[in-house]
C-alpha cells in the first residue's frame, strides 16, 4: 500500500485539539512537560522548541553549545573575533 503523506495522520478532536504522537515530538527533542511554540504560515503549522533561541541576542536559528550557553552562528563568530583581539 502506498501513501501520499510524509508523516502520520491525526484527527482534529472536539474543541480543536490535536494529539501529536510522542515519538514525533521526541524526534525534535521535545518531551513531556516541555514548552513549545506553535505558529502558522499560510498552509503550514509549525512546532518549535522554546529553548531554540540564542542566549546572547535572542535570535532563532541554528545554535552552537558554548559552555552552558546556546549561541547562534553570528554571535559565535563575533565572540571568536573578540577573543582573537584579546589575544593580540
Protein backbone atom coordinates (compact mmCIF):
# COMPACT_ATOMS: atom_id res chain seq x y z
CA UNK A 1 0.00 0.00 0.00
CA UNK A 2 1.36 3.43 -0.96
CA UNK A 3 0.65 6.64 0.95
CA UNK A 4 0.98 10.21 -0.28
CA UNK A 5 1.98 11.60 3.13
CA UNK A 6 5.37 12.22 4.70
CA UNK A 7 4.22 11.86 8.30
CA UNK A 8 1.44 10.37 10.35
CA UNK A 9 -2.17 11.45 10.02
CA UNK A 10 -4.00 12.66 13.13
CA UNK A 11 -7.61 13.72 13.57
CA UNK A 12 -8.66 17.08 14.97
CA UNK A 13 -10.68 16.40 18.10
CA UNK A 14 -13.63 18.21 19.65
CA UNK A 15 -12.52 21.61 20.84
CA UNK A 16 -9.89 21.86 18.10
CA UNK A 17 -7.13 19.89 19.81
CA UNK A 18 -4.60 17.74 18.00
CA UNK A 19 -2.66 14.93 19.66
CA UNK A 20 0.89 14.74 18.36
CA UNK A 21 2.48 11.31 18.90
CA UNK A 22 5.29 11.41 21.49
CA UNK A 23 7.74 9.72 19.13
CA UNK A 24 7.31 12.60 16.67
CA UNK A 25 7.93 15.13 19.43
CA UNK A 26 10.97 13.14 20.57
CA UNK A 27 12.35 13.42 17.01
CA UNK A 28 12.72 17.18 17.57
CA UNK A 29 13.94 16.85 21.14
CA UNK A 30 10.65 17.68 22.87
CA UNK A 31 9.46 15.65 25.82
CA UNK A 32 6.60 15.56 28.29
CA UNK A 33 6.47 18.83 30.27
CA UNK A 34 8.47 20.85 27.72
CA UNK A 35 7.05 24.10 26.38
CA UNK A 36 6.77 24.57 22.63
CA UNK A 37 5.72 27.45 20.41
CA UNK A 38 3.04 26.77 17.79
CA UNK A 39 2.70 29.12 14.84
CA UNK A 40 1.38 29.04 11.30
CA UNK A 41 2.49 30.39 7.96
CA UNK A 42 -0.08 30.19 5.17
CA UNK A 43 -0.98 26.49 4.93
CA UNK A 44 1.66 25.15 7.34
CA UNK A 45 1.65 24.78 11.14
CA UNK A 46 5.00 24.65 12.93
CA UNK A 47 6.12 23.43 16.34
CA UNK A 48 9.30 24.96 17.76
CA UNK A 49 11.12 24.29 21.00
CA UNK A 50 11.17 27.43 23.10
CA UNK A 51 14.82 26.94 24.03
CA UNK A 52 15.98 27.29 20.43
CA UNK A 53 16.93 30.95 20.84
CA UNK A 54 20.40 32.41 21.20
CA UNK A 55 21.20 33.22 24.82
CA UNK A 56 23.12 36.30 23.67
CA UNK A 57 20.96 38.04 21.04
CA UNK A 58 17.69 36.05 21.37
CA UNK A 59 17.66 35.25 17.63
CA UNK A 60 16.17 31.98 16.50
CA UNK A 61 18.28 29.69 14.41
CA UNK A 62 20.96 27.05 14.36
CA UNK A 63 22.61 27.07 17.77
CA UNK A 64 26.03 26.04 18.99
CA UNK A 65 26.74 24.94 22.54
CA UNK A 66 29.34 27.21 24.15
CA UNK A 67 29.93 26.14 27.75
CA UNK A 68 26.46 26.48 29.32
CA UNK A 69 25.21 28.86 26.61
CA UNK A 70 23.35 28.29 23.35
CA UNK A 71 24.66 30.83 20.82
CA UNK A 72 23.78 31.41 17.17
CA UNK A 73 26.41 31.33 14.45
CA UNK A 74 26.57 35.14 14.22
CA UNK A 75 27.24 35.52 17.96
CA UNK A 76 29.73 32.64 17.95
CA UNK A 77 31.73 34.29 15.15
CA UNK A 78 31.58 37.62 16.99
CA UNK A 79 32.81 36.03 20.23
CA UNK A 80 35.63 34.28 18.37
CA UNK A 81 36.70 37.57 16.76
CA UNK A 82 36.64 39.32 20.14
CA UNK A 83 38.74 36.52 21.66
CA UNK A 84 41.34 36.94 18.89
CA UNK A 85 41.54 40.68 19.63
CA UNK A 86 42.09 39.98 23.33
CA UNK A 87 44.92 37.54 22.48
CA UNK A 88 46.76 40.20 20.46
